[in-house]
Amino acid sequence: MASRQSPEEIVQTRQVSVGAVLEGRADLRFYHYKHLAVLSDGSTEPERLARLMAAVEHLDAYGWELVTLSPSTDARRLIAVLRRRG
């Protein structure tokens, strides 16, 4: 299993990995910004989108909504930008 993303790291980078979200390794309780980027992992193309959307669905239950989805600059990852509701 990959290492846990610390709350400080998530706040500093304003991003979290899809693996950290899906495996329960991301603590967003202290994340005070309104927007958050979720980065896909290096999985295969069909799985990459499926895992990213699963993370978006998971975070939706905690008050986050999808704003946009786009490829990274090197096109090897997908990035979902979410906004906290309320």
PDB file of N, CA and C in Angstrom:
ATOM      1  N   MET A   1       0.843  -1.182   0.000  1.00  0.00           N
ATOM      2  CA  MET A   1       0.000   0.000   0.000  1.00  0.00           C
ATOM      3  C   MET A   1       0.888   1.245   0.000  1.00  0.00           C
ATOM      4  N   ALA A   2       0.476   2.246  -0.697  1.00  0.00           N
ATOM      5  CA  ALA A   2       1.223   3.504  -0.760  1.00  0.00           C
ATOM      6  C   ALA A   2       1.112   4.232   0.576  1.00  0.00           C
ATOM      7  N   SER A   3       2.003   5.172   0.787  1.00  0.00           N
ATOM      8  CA  SER A   3       1.986   5.904   2.047  1.00  0.00           C
ATOM      9  C   SER A   3       0.775   6.829   2.121  1.00  0.00           C
ATOM     10  N   ARG A   4       0.417   7.138   3.346  1.00  0.00           N
ATOM     11  CA  ARG A   4      -0.718   8.017   3.597  1.00  0.00           C
ATOM     12  C   ARG A   4      -0.337   9.446   3.218  1.00  0.00           C
ATOM     13  N   GLN A   5      -1.244  10.149   2.561  1.00  0.00           N
ATOM     14  CA  GLN A   5      -1.019  11.571   2.286  1.00  0.00           C
ATOM     15  C   GLN A   5      -1.405  12.329   3.545  1.00  0.00           C
ATOM     16  N   SER A   6      -0.473  13.074   4.087  1.00  0.00           N
ATOM     17  CA  SER A   6      -0.762  13.808   5.319  1.00  0.00           C
ATOM     18  C   SER A   6      -1.714  14.961   5.023  1.00  0.00           C
ATOM     19  N   PRO A   7      -2.495  15.365   6.036  1.00  0.00           N
ATOM     20  CA  PRO A   7      -3.360  16.529   5.839  1.00  0.00           C
ATOM     21  C   PRO A   7      -2.560  17.766   5.429  1.00  0.00           C
ATOM     22  N   GLU A   8      -1.351  17.911   5.975  1.00  0.00           N
ATOM     23  CA  GLU A   8      -0.506  19.057   5.635  1.00  0.00           C
ATOM     24  C   GLU A   8      -0.104  19.033   4.162  1.00  0.00           C
ATOM     25  N   GLU A   9       0.245  17.847   3.670  1.00  0.00           N
ATOM     26  CA  GLU A   9       0.626  17.709   2.261  1.00  0.00           C
ATOM     27  C   GLU A   9      -0.545  18.045   1.346  1.00  0.00           C
ATOM     28  N   ILE A  10      -1.727  17.575   1.700  1.00  0.00           N
ATOM     29  CA  ILE A  10      -2.919  17.841   0.890  1.00  0.00           C
ATOM     30  C   ILE A  10      -3.220  19.338   0.868  1.00  0.00           C
ATOM     31  N   VAL A  11      -3.122  19.987   2.028  1.00  0.00           N
ATOM     32  CA  VAL A  11      -3.370  21.433   2.094  1.00  0.00           C
ATOM     33  C   VAL A  11      -2.320  22.194   1.293  1.00  0.00           C
ATOM     34  N   GLN A  12      -1.062  21.813   1.442  1.00  0.00           N
ATOM     35  CA  GLN A  12       0.024  22.523   0.758  1.00  0.00           C
ATOM     36  C   GLN A  12      -0.080  22.398  -0.759  1.00  0.00           C
ATOM     37  N   THR A  13      -0.401  21.207  -1.260  1.00  0.00           N
ATOM     38  CA  THR A  13      -0.440  20.986  -2.706  1.00  0.00           C
ATOM     39  C   THR A  13      -1.823  21.207  -3.304  1.00  0.00           C
ATOM     40  N   ARG A  14      -2.835  21.241  -2.439  1.00  0.00           N
ATOM     41  CA  ARG A  14      -4.238  21.376  -2.858  1.00  0.00           C
ATOM     42  C   ARG A  14      -4.658  20.247  -3.788  1.00  0.00           C
ATOM     43  N   GLN A  15      -4.055  19.088  -3.593  1.00  0.00           N
ATOM     44  CA  GLN A  15      -4.407  17.924  -4.408  1.00  0.00           C
ATOM     45  C   GLN A  15      -4.285  16.658  -3.582  1.00  0.00           C
ATOM     46  N   VAL A  16      -5.021  15.655  -4.021  1.00  0.00           N
ATOM     47  CA  VAL A  16      -5.014  14.353  -3.364  1.00  0.00           C
ATOM     48  C   VAL A  16      -5.037  13.289  -4.452  1.00  0.00           C
ATOM     49  N   SER A  17      -4.417  12.164  -4.176  1.00  0.00           N
ATOM     50  CA  SER A  17      -4.399  11.098  -5.179  1.00  0.00           C
ATOM     51  C   SER A  17      -5.681  10.281  -5.104  1.00  0.00           C
ATOM     52  N   VAL A  18      -6.067   9.722  -6.229  1.00  0.00           N
ATOM     53  CA  VAL A  18      -7.257   8.884  -6.280  1.00  0.00           C
ATOM     54  C   VAL A  18      -7.091   7.680  -5.355  1.00  0.00           C
ATOM     55  N   GLY A  19      -5.882   7.131  -5.290  1.00  0.00           N
ATOM     56  CA  GLY A  19      -5.631   5.992  -4.408  1.00  0.00           C
ATOM     57  C   GLY A  19      -5.845   6.336  -2.949  1.00  0.00           C
ATOM     58  N   ALA A  20      -5.391   7.519  -2.532  1.00  0.00           N
ATOM     59  CA  ALA A  20      -5.575   7.944  -1.145  1.00  0.00           C
ATOM     60  C   ALA A  20      -7.056   8.072  -0.805  1.00  0.00           C
ATOM     61  N   VAL A  21      -7.848   8.573  -1.737  1.00  0.00           N
ATOM     62  CA  VAL A  21      -9.290   8.712  -1.505  1.00  0.00           C
ATOM     63  C   VAL A  21      -9.949   7.337  -1.421  1.00  0.00           C
ATOM     64  N   LEU A  22      -9.702   6.488  -2.404  1.00  0.00           N
ATOM     65  CA  LEU A  22     -10.386   5.194  -2.470  1.00  0.00           C
ATOM     66  C   LEU A  22      -9.944   4.221  -1.385  1.00  0.00           C
ATOM     67  N   GLU A  23      -8.723   4.383  -0.889  1.00  0.00           N
ATOM     68  CA  GLU A  23      -8.210   3.479   0.142  1.00  0.00           C
ATOM     69  C   GLU A  23      -8.324   4.066   1.546  1.00  0.00           C
ATOM     70  N   GLY A  24      -9.009   5.202   1.683  1.00  0.00           N
ATOM     71  CA  GLY A  24      -9.233   5.803   2.992  1.00  0.00           C
ATOM     72  C   GLY A  24      -7.982   6.379   3.632  1.00  0.00           C
ATOM     73  N   ARG A  25      -7.012   6.793   2.829  1.00  0.00           N
ATOM     74  CA  ARG A  25      -5.758   7.333   3.349  1.00  0.00           C
ATOM     75  C   ARG A  25      -5.701   8.851   3.281  1.00  0.00           C
ATOM     76  N   ALA A  26      -6.780   9.504   2.896  1.00  0.00           N
ATOM     77  CA  ALA A  26      -6.802  10.966   2.775  1.00  0.00           C
ATOM     78  C   ALA A  26      -7.704  11.553   3.857  1.00  0.00           C
ATOM     79  N   ASP A  27      -7.137  12.386   4.703  1.00  0.00           N
ATOM     80  CA  ASP A  27      -7.894  13.054   5.759  1.00  0.00           C
ATOM     81  C   ASP A  27      -8.136  14.498   5.319  1.00  0.00           C
ATOM     82  N   LEU A  28      -9.377  14.785   4.946  1.00  0.00           N
ATOM     83  CA  LEU A  28      -9.718  16.126   4.458  1.00  0.00           C
ATOM     84  C   LEU A  28     -10.419  16.975   5.513  1.00  0.00           C
ATOM     85  N   ARG A  29     -10.455  16.503   6.749  1.00  0.00           N
ATOM     86  CA  ARG A  29     -11.163  17.251   7.799  1.00  0.00           C
ATOM     87  C   ARG A  29     -10.585  18.643   8.018  1.00  0.00           C
ATOM     88  N   PHE A  30      -9.286  18.807   7.796  1.00  0.00           N
ATOM     89  CA  PHE A  30      -8.642  20.095   8.048  1.00  0.00           C
ATOM     90  C   PHE A  30      -8.344  20.859   6.763  1.00  0.00           C
ATOM     91  N   TYR A  31      -8.893  20.393   5.655  1.00  0.00           N
ATOM     92  CA  TYR A  31      -8.688  21.070   4.374  1.00  0.00           C
ATOM     93  C   TYR A  31      -9.634  22.266   4.326  1.00  0.00           C
ATOM     94  N   HIS A  32      -9.099  23.480   4.338  1.00  0.00           N
ATOM     95  CA  HIS A  32      -9.934  24.675   4.463  1.00  0.00           C
ATOM     96  C   HIS A  32     -10.198  25.403   3.148  1.00  0.00           C
ATOM     97  N   TYR A  33      -9.630  24.929   2.057  1.00  0.00           N
ATOM     98  CA  TYR A  33      -9.870  25.577   0.772  1.00  0.00           C
ATOM     99  C   TYR A  33     -11.188  25.105   0.166  1.00  0.00           C
ATOM    100  N   LYS A  34     -11.726  25.889  -0.733  1.00  0.00           N
ATOM    101  CA  LYS A  34     -13.004  25.560  -1.372  1.00  0.00           C
ATOM    102  C   LYS A  34     -12.839  24.568  -2.515  1.00  0.00           C
ATOM    103  N   HIS A  35     -11.678  24.548  -3.182  1.00  0.00           N
ATOM    104  CA  HIS A  35     -11.444  23.678  -4.337  1.00  0.00           C
ATOM    105  C   HIS A  35     -10.346  22.669  -4.041  1.00  0.00           C
ATOM    106  N   LEU A  36     -10.466  21.503  -4.658  1.00  0.00           N
ATOM    107  CA  LEU A  36      -9.513  20.412  -4.455  1.00  0.00           C
ATOM    108  C   LEU A  36      -9.317  19.682  -5.777  1.00  0.00           C
ATOM    109  N   ALA A  37      -8.079  19.348  -6.091  1.00  0.00           N
ATOM    110  CA  ALA A  37      -7.783  18.550  -7.287  1.00  0.00           C
ATOM    111  C   ALA A  37      -7.565  17.101  -6.871  1.00  0.00           C
ATOM    112  N   VAL A  38      -8.186  16.184  -7.611  1.00  0.00           N
ATOM    113  CA  VAL A  38      -7.981  14.750  -7.398  1.00  0.00           C
ATOM    114  C   VAL A  38      -7.249  14.229  -8.622  1.00  0.00           C
ATOM    115  N   LEU A  39      -6.074  13.634  -8.405  1.00  0.00           N
ATOM    116  CA  LEU A  39      -5.232  13.159  -9.506  1.00  0.00           C
ATOM    117  C   LEU A  39      -5.374  11.661  -9.682  1.00  0.00           C
ATOM    118  N   SER A  40      -5.576  11.253 -10.921  1.00  0.00           N
ATOM    119  CA  SER A  40      -5.649   9.824 -11.219  1.00  0.00           C
ATOM    120  C   SER A  40      -4.280   9.198 -11.045  1.00  0.00           C
ATOM    121  N   ASP A  41      -4.271   7.881 -10.976  1.00  0.00           N
ATOM    122  CA  ASP A  41      -3.009   7.163 -10.858  1.00  0.00           C
ATOM    123  C   ASP A  41      -2.568   6.681 -12.231  1.00  0.00           C
ATOM    124  N   GLY A  42      -1.543   5.883 -12.279  1.00  0.00           N
ATOM    125  CA  GLY A  42      -0.993   5.425 -13.549  1.00  0.00           C
ATOM    126  C   GLY A  42      -1.645   4.174 -14.089  1.00  0.00           C
ATOM    127  N   SER A  43      -2.883   3.915 -13.716  1.00  0.00           N
ATOM    128  CA  SER A  43      -3.570   2.719 -14.201  1.00  0.00           C
ATOM    129  C   SER A  43      -3.861   2.835 -15.700  1.00  0.00           C
ATOM    130  N   THR A  44      -4.359   1.761 -16.285  1.00  0.00           N
ATOM    131  CA  THR A  44      -4.661   1.763 -17.716  1.00  0.00           C
ATOM    132  C   THR A  44      -5.808   2.722 -18.020  1.00  0.00           C
ATOM    133  N   GLU A  45      -5.922   3.114 -19.269  1.00  0.00           N
ATOM    134  CA  GLU A  45      -6.869   4.151 -19.689  1.00  0.00           C
ATOM    135  C   GLU A  45      -8.304   3.921 -19.205  1.00  0.00           C
ATOM    136  N   PRO A  46      -8.946   2.790 -19.464  1.00  0.00           N
ATOM    137  CA  PRO A  46     -10.338   2.658 -19.006  1.00  0.00           C
ATOM    138  C   PRO A  46     -10.444   2.663 -17.481  1.00  0.00           C
ATOM    139  N   GLU A  47      -9.480   2.025 -16.830  1.00  0.00           N
ATOM    140  CA  GLU A  47      -9.508   1.960 -15.368  1.00  0.00           C
ATOM    141  C   GLU A  47      -9.213   3.322 -14.744  1.00  0.00           C
ATOM    142  N   ARG A  48      -8.387   4.105 -15.382  1.00  0.00           N
ATOM    143  CA  ARG A  48      -8.010   5.433 -14.876  1.00  0.00           C
ATOM    144  C   ARG A  48      -9.246   6.300 -14.670  1.00  0.00           C
ATOM    145  N   LEU A  49     -10.098   6.375 -15.673  1.00  0.00           N
ATOM    146  CA  LEU A  49     -11.311   7.182 -15.565  1.00  0.00           C
ATOM    147  C   LEU A  49     -12.272   6.582 -14.551  1.00  0.00           C
ATOM    148  N   ALA A  50     -12.420   5.273 -14.551  1.00  0.00           N
ATOM    149  CA  ALA A  50     -13.337   4.618 -13.614  1.00  0.00           C
ATOM    150  C   ALA A  50     -12.922   4.879 -12.165  1.00  0.00           C
ATOM    151  N   ARG A  51     -11.629   4.771 -11.880  1.00  0.00           N
ATOM    152  CA  ARG A  51     -11.145   5.013 -10.511  1.00  0.00           C
ATOM    153  C   ARG A  51     -11.317   6.483 -10.119  1.00  0.00           C
ATOM    154  N   LEU A  52     -11.066   7.385 -11.050  1.00  0.00           N
ATOM    155  CA  LEU A  52     -11.223   8.803 -10.753  1.00  0.00           C
ATOM    156  C   LEU A  52     -12.687   9.132 -10.476  1.00  0.00           C
ATOM    157  N   MET A  53     -13.583   8.597 -11.280  1.00  0.00           N
ATOM    158  CA  MET A  53     -15.005   8.863 -11.064  1.00  0.00           C
ATOM    159  C   MET A  53     -15.501   8.227  -9.766  1.00  0.00           C
ATOM    160  N   ALA A  54     -14.946   7.084  -9.392  1.00  0.00           N
ATOM    161  CA  ALA A  54     -15.300   6.463  -8.109  1.00  0.00           C
ATOM    162  C   ALA A  54     -14.874   7.365  -6.947  1.00  0.00           C
ATOM    163  N   ALA A  55     -13.708   7.989  -7.067  1.00  0.00           N
ATOM    164  CA  ALA A  55     -13.246   8.920  -6.032  1.00  0.00           C
ATOM    165  C   ALA A  55     -14.145  10.152  -5.971  1.00  0.00           C
ATOM    166  N   VAL A  56     -14.555  10.657  -7.130  1.00  0.00           N
ATOM    167  CA  VAL A  56     -15.470  11.804  -7.178  1.00  0.00           C
ATOM    168  C   VAL A  56     -16.791  11.444  -6.500  1.00  0.00           C
ATOM    169  N   GLU A  57     -17.325  10.278  -6.809  1.00  0.00           N
ATOM    170  CA  GLU A  57     -18.575   9.821  -6.182  1.00  0.00           C
ATOM    171  C   GLU A  57     -18.408   9.697  -4.671  1.00  0.00           C
ATOM    172  N   HIS A  58     -17.281   9.151  -4.236  1.00  0.00           N
ATOM    173  CA  HIS A  58     -17.018   8.994  -2.802  1.00  0.00           C
ATOM    174  C   HIS A  58     -16.992  10.360  -2.112  1.00  0.00           C
ATOM    175  N   LEU A  59     -16.283  11.313  -2.694  1.00  0.00           N
ATOM    176  CA  LEU A  59     -16.179  12.634  -2.080  1.00  0.00           C
ATOM    177  C   LEU A  59     -17.488  13.413  -2.147  1.00  0.00           C
ATOM    178  N   ASP A  60     -18.348  13.087  -3.096  1.00  0.00           N
ATOM    179  CA  ASP A  60     -19.663  13.720  -3.182  1.00  0.00           C
ATOM    180  C   ASP A  60     -20.446  13.505  -1.888  1.00  0.00           C
ATOM    181  N   ALA A  61     -20.283  12.353  -1.285  1.00  0.00           N
ATOM    182  CA  ALA A  61     -20.979  12.048  -0.032  1.00  0.00           C
ATOM    183  C   ALA A  61     -20.494  12.929   1.121  1.00  0.00           C
ATOM    184  N   TYR A  62     -19.345  13.571   0.956  1.00  0.00           N
ATOM    185  CA  TYR A  62     -18.772  14.435   1.991  1.00  0.00           C
ATOM    186  C   TYR A  62     -18.856  15.914   1.621  1.00  0.00           C
ATOM    187  N   GLY A  63     -19.718  16.240   0.657  1.00  0.00           N
ATOM    188  CA  GLY A  63     -19.969  17.640   0.334  1.00  0.00           C
ATOM    189  C   GLY A  63     -19.139  18.236  -0.784  1.00  0.00           C
ATOM    190  N   TRP A  64     -18.485  17.393  -1.588  1.00  0.00           N
ATOM    191  CA  TRP A  64     -17.682  17.882  -2.714  1.00  0.00           C
ATOM    192  C   TRP A  64     -18.403  17.597  -4.016  1.00  0.00           C
ATOM    193  N   GLU A  65     -18.368  18.551  -4.958  1.00  0.00           N
ATOM    194  CA  GLU A  65     -18.993  18.337  -6.257  1.00  0.00           C
ATOM    195  C   GLU A  65     -17.980  18.576  -7.369  1.00  0.00           C
ATOM    196  N   LEU A  66     -18.142  17.837  -8.447  1.00  0.00           N
ATOM    197  CA  LEU A  66     -17.240  17.930  -9.587  1.00  0.00           C
ATOM    198  C   LEU A  66     -17.447  19.243 -10.326  1.00  0.00           C
ATOM    199  N   VAL A  67     -16.349  19.951 -10.590  1.00  0.00           N
ATOM    200  CA  VAL A  67     -16.378  21.184 -11.370  1.00  0.00           C
ATOM    201  C   VAL A  67     -15.963  20.888 -12.801  1.00  0.00           C
ATOM    202  N   THR A  68     -14.834  20.208 -12.957  1.00  0.00           N
ATOM    203  CA  THR A  68     -14.334  19.887 -14.289  1.00  0.00           C
ATOM    204  C   THR A  68     -13.393  18.691 -14.221  1.00  0.00           C
ATOM    205  N   LEU A  69     -13.188  18.105 -15.372  1.00  0.00           N
ATOM    206  CA  LEU A  69     -12.297  16.960 -15.521  1.00  0.00           C
ATOM    207  C   LEU A  69     -11.426  17.234 -16.735  1.00  0.00           C
ATOM    208  N   SER A  70     -10.104  17.067 -16.596  1.00  0.00           N
ATOM    209  CA  SER A  70      -9.231  17.335 -17.741  1.00  0.00           C
ATOM    210  C   SER A  70      -7.976  16.478 -17.662  1.00  0.00           C
ATOM    211  N   PRO A  71      -7.296  16.325 -18.803  1.00  0.00           N
ATOM    212  CA  PRO A  71      -6.018  15.598 -18.781  1.00  0.00           C
ATOM    213  C   PRO A  71      -4.935  16.494 -18.185  1.00  0.00           C
ATOM    214  N   SER A  72      -3.922  15.871 -17.607  1.00  0.00           N
ATOM    215  CA  SER A  72      -2.771  16.637 -17.126  1.00  0.00           C
ATOM    216  C   SER A  72      -1.977  17.140 -18.327  1.00  0.00           C
ATOM    217  N   THR A  73      -1.005  17.979 -18.079  1.00  0.00           N
ATOM    218  CA  THR A  73      -0.233  18.546 -19.187  1.00  0.00           C
ATOM    219  C   THR A  73       0.538  17.493 -19.963  1.00  0.00           C
ATOM    220  N   ASP A  74       0.923  16.412 -19.305  1.00  0.00           N
ATOM    221  CA  ASP A  74       1.629  15.344 -20.026  1.00  0.00           C
ATOM    222  C   ASP A  74       0.674  14.273 -20.552  1.00  0.00           C
ATOM    223  N   ALA A  75      -0.621  14.435 -20.297  1.00  0.00           N
ATOM    224  CA  ALA A  75      -1.692  13.550 -20.785  1.00  0.00           C
ATOM    225  C   ALA A  75      -1.600  12.124 -20.248  1.00  0.00           C
ATOM    226  N   ARG A  76      -0.804  11.910 -19.194  1.00  0.00           N
ATOM    227  CA  ARG A  76      -0.722  10.569 -18.608  1.00  0.00           C
ATOM    228  C   ARG A  76      -1.659  10.396 -17.426  1.00  0.00           C
ATOM    229  N   ARG A  77      -2.221  11.473 -16.965  1.00  0.00           N
ATOM    230  CA  ARG A  77      -3.137  11.441 -15.829  1.00  0.00           C
ATOM    231  C   ARG A  77      -4.378  12.261 -16.155  1.00  0.00           C
ATOM    232  N   LEU A  78      -5.405  12.025 -15.377  1.00  0.00           N
ATOM    233  CA  LEU A  78      -6.598  12.853 -15.429  1.00  0.00           C
ATOM    234  C   LEU A  78      -6.682  13.615 -14.113  1.00  0.00           C
ATOM    235  N   ILE A  79      -7.249  14.790 -14.183  1.00  0.00           N
ATOM    236  CA  ILE A  79      -7.407  15.624 -12.996  1.00  0.00           C
ATOM    237  C   ILE A  79      -8.874  16.007 -12.875  1.00  0.00           C
ATOM    238  N   ALA A  80      -9.442  15.745 -11.711  1.00  0.00           N
ATOM    239  CA  ALA A  80     -10.799  16.186 -11.409  1.00  0.00           C
ATOM    240  C   ALA A  80     -10.684  17.344 -10.426  1.00  0.00           C
ATOM    241  N   VAL A  81     -11.326  18.447 -10.738  1.00  0.00           N
ATOM    242  CA  VAL A  81     -11.355  19.581  -9.825  1.00  0.00           C
ATOM    243  C   VAL A  81     -12.722  19.583  -9.165  1.00  0.00           C
ATOM    244  N   LEU A  82     -12.715  19.585  -7.844  1.00  0.00           N
ATOM    245  CA  LEU A  82     -13.946  19.548  -7.068  1.00  0.00           C
ATOM    246  C   LEU A  82     -14.102  20.830  -6.269  1.00  0.00           C
ATOM    247  N   ARG A  83     -15.352  21.157  -5.951  1.00  0.00           N
ATOM    248  CA  ARG A  83     -15.671  22.332  -5.142  1.00  0.00           C
ATOM    249  C   ARG A  83     -16.488  21.860  -3.943  1.00  0.00           C
ATOM    250  N   ARG A  84     -16.160  22.410  -2.796  1.00  0.00           N
ATOM    251  CA  ARG A  84     -16.924  22.087  -1.588  1.00  0.00           C
ATOM    252  C   ARG A  84     -18.269  22.822  -1.646  1.00  0.00           C
ATOM    253  N   ARG A  85     -19.345  22.088  -1.432  1.00  0.00           N
ATOM    254  CA  ARG A  85     -20.676  22.704  -1.411  1.00  0.00           C
ATOM    255  C   ARG A  85     -20.852  23.486  -0.111  1.00  0.00           C
ATOM    256  N   GLY A  86     -21.648  24.537  -0.223  1.00  0.00           N
ATOM    257  CA  GLY A  86     -22.010  25.274   0.976  1.00  0.00           C
ATOM    258  C   GLY A  86     -21.179  26.376   1.266  1.00  0.00           C
TER     259      GLY A  86
END
